[in-house]
Amino acid sequence: MACGIRSTCSSGMPYSSRNASRPDVRAIPWMLWTICKNRNSLLYAEVQESTLLLAHIALEESTLWNELNKVEQGGNQYLHDLGAPEKWAPPAPGLVKCNMHANWRNDRYLTRGAWITRDHRGEVGMHARDALLPSPDQLSAEMNCLLWVLRSLRDLRLEEVSVVIAFEVESRGSNKVAIEIAKSVLRDRRLQSYLALDGPSWLHDLIQAEVTFVNS
């Protein structure tokens, strides 16, 4: 999806069976898409819709899509398997893939954010981490982290970028590097904002293993 320059957002956040059926969690992809569309409308047409209206539309479209994609199985309803890859998958040639992760514990702790960019060969461009302000819930943490990532990419003038977080179309297994970087913020007391070329040296083996898998 186009978002501002020409970024794309492949949706979501990690979730368990406990919250997977929550309408607000299911609506995350539509909320992100709506935010992108509203941003473009504001920038190029100077038109901005009500936030409540946008949230209502996103929830409505999400509910409709999920109802159409449910199947009956043993008396219970399940969503169709969307084939989320268990390993990191490269972007199309000419694009840069930006994996991001927001590590949220509760509303008293800082949210740990991280992102890393790679091209279609799996080569790392740069990565960043930061300790973001506390958020009341996981959804808010994801949104704040996404805004931080988009601002960072804009400031770095990265134009052909696919921004990805773990959800139904991207599994946690395909987002391991970003998750590990985000975890290190509090675990290793890395609370200062940080941006660097290439990947973290301590994740070299994991990054190389994913590149080998892609090229095999």
Protein backbone atom coordinates (compact mmCIF):
# COMPACT_ATOMS: atom_id res chain seq x y z
CA MET A 1 0.00 0.00 0.00
CA ALA A 2 1.23 3.48 -0.70
CA CYS A 3 1.97 5.53 2.36
CA GLY A 4 3.37 8.98 1.81
CA ILE A 5 6.46 8.49 -0.37
CA ARG A 6 5.99 4.95 -1.56
CA SER A 7 6.26 2.88 1.57
CA THR A 8 4.12 -0.20 2.04
CA CYS A 9 2.79 -1.62 5.28
CA SER A 10 2.32 -5.36 5.68
CA SER A 11 0.26 -5.54 8.78
CA GLY A 12 0.24 -6.41 12.28
CA MET A 13 1.39 -7.44 15.69
CA PRO A 14 2.07 -10.68 17.53
CA TYR A 15 -1.02 -12.14 19.13
CA SER A 16 -2.13 -15.27 20.95
CA SER A 17 -5.29 -17.33 20.67
CA ARG A 18 -6.53 -15.37 23.68
CA ASN A 19 -6.77 -12.06 21.80
CA ALA A 20 -6.78 -13.18 18.17
CA SER A 21 -10.57 -12.83 17.91
CA ARG A 22 -10.68 -9.30 19.32
CA PRO A 23 -12.10 -6.91 16.69
CA ASP A 24 -9.51 -4.22 17.44
CA VAL A 25 -6.64 -6.67 16.94
CA ARG A 26 -8.14 -8.02 13.71
CA ALA A 27 -8.58 -4.46 12.44
CA ILE A 28 -4.91 -3.47 12.71
CA PRO A 29 -4.14 -3.92 8.96
CA TRP A 30 -7.13 -1.77 8.02
CA MET A 31 -6.24 0.85 10.61
CA LEU A 32 -2.71 1.12 9.24
CA TRP A 33 -4.02 1.36 5.68
CA THR A 34 -6.54 4.02 6.74
CA ILE A 35 -3.80 6.04 8.47
CA CYS A 36 -1.73 5.94 5.29
CA LYS A 37 -4.65 7.01 3.09
CA ASN A 38 -5.62 9.81 5.46
CA ARG A 39 -2.03 11.05 5.55
CA ASN A 40 -1.92 11.18 1.76
CA SER A 41 -5.25 13.02 1.63
CA LEU A 42 -3.96 15.58 4.11
CA LEU A 43 -0.66 16.07 2.28
CA TYR A 44 -1.92 16.21 -1.29
CA ALA A 45 -5.60 17.23 -1.11
CA GLU A 46 -5.63 19.05 2.25
CA VAL A 47 -8.58 16.90 3.31
CA GLN A 48 -8.70 15.16 6.69
CA GLU A 49 -11.46 12.86 7.96
CA SER A 50 -12.60 12.51 11.57
CA THR A 51 -10.46 10.05 13.55
CA LEU A 52 -13.59 8.38 14.94
CA LEU A 53 -14.99 7.95 11.43
CA LEU A 54 -11.74 6.44 10.17
CA ALA A 55 -11.62 3.99 13.09
CA HIS A 56 -15.25 3.02 12.46
CA ILE A 57 -14.60 2.39 8.76
CA ALA A 58 -11.50 0.31 9.54
CA LEU A 59 -13.38 -1.86 12.06
CA GLU A 60 -16.29 -2.29 9.65
CA GLU A 61 -14.08 -3.37 6.74
CA SER A 62 -12.07 -5.68 8.99
CA THR A 63 -15.20 -7.37 10.33
CA LEU A 64 -16.54 -7.92 6.81
CA TRP A 65 -13.25 -9.38 5.54
CA ASN A 66 -12.87 -11.74 8.50
CA GLU A 67 -16.47 -12.95 8.22
CA LEU A 68 -15.92 -13.74 4.53
CA ASN A 69 -12.72 -15.64 5.30
CA LYS A 70 -13.99 -17.84 8.12
CA VAL A 71 -14.44 -21.55 7.61
CA GLU A 72 -16.34 -24.08 9.69
CA GLN A 73 -14.23 -26.85 11.23
CA GLY A 74 -15.48 -29.20 13.90
CA GLY A 75 -18.20 -26.80 14.98
CA ASN A 76 -15.72 -23.96 15.45
CA GLN A 77 -14.84 -21.11 13.14
CA TYR A 78 -11.30 -20.48 11.96
CA LEU A 79 -9.73 -18.04 9.57
CA HIS A 80 -8.26 -19.42 6.37
CA ASP A 81 -4.52 -20.06 6.64
CA LEU A 82 -2.95 -17.12 4.84
CA GLY A 83 0.35 -18.92 4.46
CA ALA A 84 2.45 -16.65 6.66
CA PRO A 85 6.10 -17.58 6.08
CA GLU A 86 7.99 -19.00 9.06
CA LYS A 87 11.30 -17.60 7.79
CA TRP A 88 12.32 -14.14 6.66
CA ALA A 89 11.30 -13.59 3.04
CA PRO A 90 13.00 -11.05 0.75
CA PRO A 91 11.20 -8.14 -0.94
CA ALA A 92 10.86 -7.83 -4.70
CA PRO A 93 13.99 -6.60 -6.52
CA GLY A 94 14.23 -2.82 -6.28
CA LEU A 95 12.43 -2.69 -2.93
CA VAL A 96 13.80 -2.53 0.61
CA LYS A 97 12.07 -4.54 3.34
CA CYS A 98 11.92 -2.95 6.78
CA ASN A 99 11.05 -5.37 9.59
CA MET A 100 9.97 -3.66 12.81
CA HIS A 101 8.93 -4.76 16.28
CA ALA A 102 7.46 -3.07 19.36
CA ASN A 103 8.22 -4.94 22.58
CA TRP A 104 5.51 -3.95 25.09
CA ARG A 105 5.22 -5.24 28.66
CA ASN A 106 2.71 -2.97 30.42
CA ASP A 107 1.73 0.69 30.70
CA ARG A 108 4.49 1.43 33.25
CA TYR A 109 7.44 0.32 31.14
CA LEU A 110 9.03 1.94 28.12
CA THR A 111 8.13 0.35 24.79
CA ARG A 112 11.19 -1.15 23.12
CA GLY A 113 11.23 -0.43 19.41
CA ALA A 114 13.49 -1.68 16.63
CA TRP A 115 13.67 -1.87 12.85
CA ILE A 116 16.08 -3.28 10.27
CA THR A 117 16.18 -2.90 6.48
CA ARG A 118 17.27 -5.56 3.97
CA ASP A 119 17.22 -5.80 0.19
CA HIS A 120 16.12 -8.69 -2.04
CA ARG A 121 19.50 -10.41 -1.54
CA GLY A 122 19.13 -10.25 2.24
CA GLU A 123 21.88 -7.66 2.64
CA VAL A 124 21.31 -5.34 5.61
CA GLY A 125 21.14 -1.61 4.95
CA MET A 126 20.79 -0.25 8.48
CA HIS A 127 19.08 -0.91 11.79
CA ALA A 128 17.80 1.18 14.68
CA ARG A 129 16.49 0.77 18.20
CA ASP A 130 14.95 3.14 20.73
CA ALA A 131 13.12 3.26 24.05
CA LEU A 132 9.72 4.79 23.32
CA LEU A 133 7.31 6.35 25.79
CA PRO A 134 5.04 3.94 27.72
CA SER A 135 1.78 2.98 25.99
CA PRO A 136 -1.49 1.84 27.60
CA ASP A 137 -1.67 -1.36 25.52
CA GLN A 138 0.03 -3.39 22.80
CA LEU A 139 -1.98 -1.82 20.00
CA SER A 140 -0.98 1.72 21.01
CA ALA A 141 2.64 0.60 21.33
CA GLU A 142 2.55 -0.83 17.80
CA MET A 143 1.08 2.38 16.40
CA ASN A 144 3.64 4.59 18.16
CA CYS A 145 6.45 2.35 16.97
CA LEU A 146 5.13 2.44 13.41
CA LEU A 147 5.07 6.24 13.45
CA TRP A 148 8.66 6.27 14.74
CA VAL A 149 9.73 3.92 11.93
CA LEU A 150 7.97 5.94 9.22
CA ARG A 151 9.53 9.18 10.47
CA SER A 152 12.95 7.53 10.50
CA LEU A 153 12.58 6.23 6.94
CA ARG A 154 11.35 9.63 5.78
CA ASP A 155 14.29 11.42 7.40
CA LEU A 156 16.69 8.93 5.79
CA ARG A 157 14.99 9.50 2.41
CA LEU A 158 14.31 5.81 1.89
CA GLU A 159 11.55 5.79 -0.72
CA GLU A 160 10.90 2.23 -1.92
CA VAL A 161 10.27 0.51 1.39
CA SER A 162 7.97 -2.29 2.55
CA VAL A 163 7.39 -1.94 6.32
CA VAL A 164 6.60 -5.27 7.97
CA ILE A 165 5.57 -6.44 11.45
CA ALA A 166 4.48 -9.89 12.61
CA PHE A 167 0.78 -10.68 12.13
CA GLU A 168 -1.33 -13.04 9.99
CA VAL A 169 0.67 -12.33 6.82
CA GLU A 170 4.05 -12.21 8.59
CA SER A 171 4.83 -14.65 11.40
CA ARG A 172 7.05 -14.02 14.41
CA GLY A 173 9.47 -16.53 12.91
CA SER A 174 9.98 -14.26 9.92
CA ASN A 175 10.60 -11.25 12.18
CA LYS A 176 13.23 -12.70 14.54
CA VAL A 177 15.97 -10.12 13.99
CA ALA A 178 13.77 -7.09 14.72
CA ILE A 179 12.32 -8.86 17.77
CA GLU A 180 15.77 -9.61 19.20
CA ILE A 181 16.97 -6.02 18.67
CA ALA A 182 13.86 -4.66 20.42
CA LYS A 183 14.31 -7.04 23.36
CA SER A 184 17.89 -5.83 23.85
CA VAL A 185 16.76 -2.27 24.66
CA LEU A 186 15.81 -3.06 28.27
CA ARG A 187 17.62 -6.37 28.66
CA ASP A 188 21.00 -4.77 27.93
CA ARG A 189 20.03 -1.26 29.13
CA ARG A 190 20.39 0.19 25.62
CA LEU A 191 18.03 3.08 26.27
CA GLN A 192 19.60 5.68 23.99
CA SER A 193 18.29 6.12 20.46
CA TYR A 194 20.61 4.29 18.07
CA LEU A 195 20.98 4.07 14.29
CA ALA A 196 23.74 2.19 12.47
CA LEU A 197 24.69 0.81 9.08
CA ASP A 198 24.59 -2.98 8.62
CA GLY A 199 23.16 -5.33 11.23
CA PRO A 200 24.16 -5.78 14.88
CA SER A 201 27.32 -7.89 15.17
CA TRP A 202 25.78 -10.06 17.89
CA LEU A 203 23.00 -11.11 15.46
CA HIS A 204 25.37 -11.81 12.56
CA ASP A 205 24.83 -15.59 12.66
CA LEU A 206 21.02 -15.28 12.66
CA ILE A 207 21.06 -12.78 9.77
CA GLN A 208 23.42 -14.97 7.74
CA ALA A 209 21.30 -18.05 8.42
CA GLU A 210 18.24 -16.26 7.03
CA VAL A 211 20.19 -15.13 3.96
CA THR A 212 21.40 -18.70 3.38
CA PHE A 213 17.82 -19.98 3.65
CA VAL A 214 16.60 -17.40 1.13
CA ASN A 215 19.36 -18.21 -1.37
CA SER A 216 19.14 -21.99 -0.96
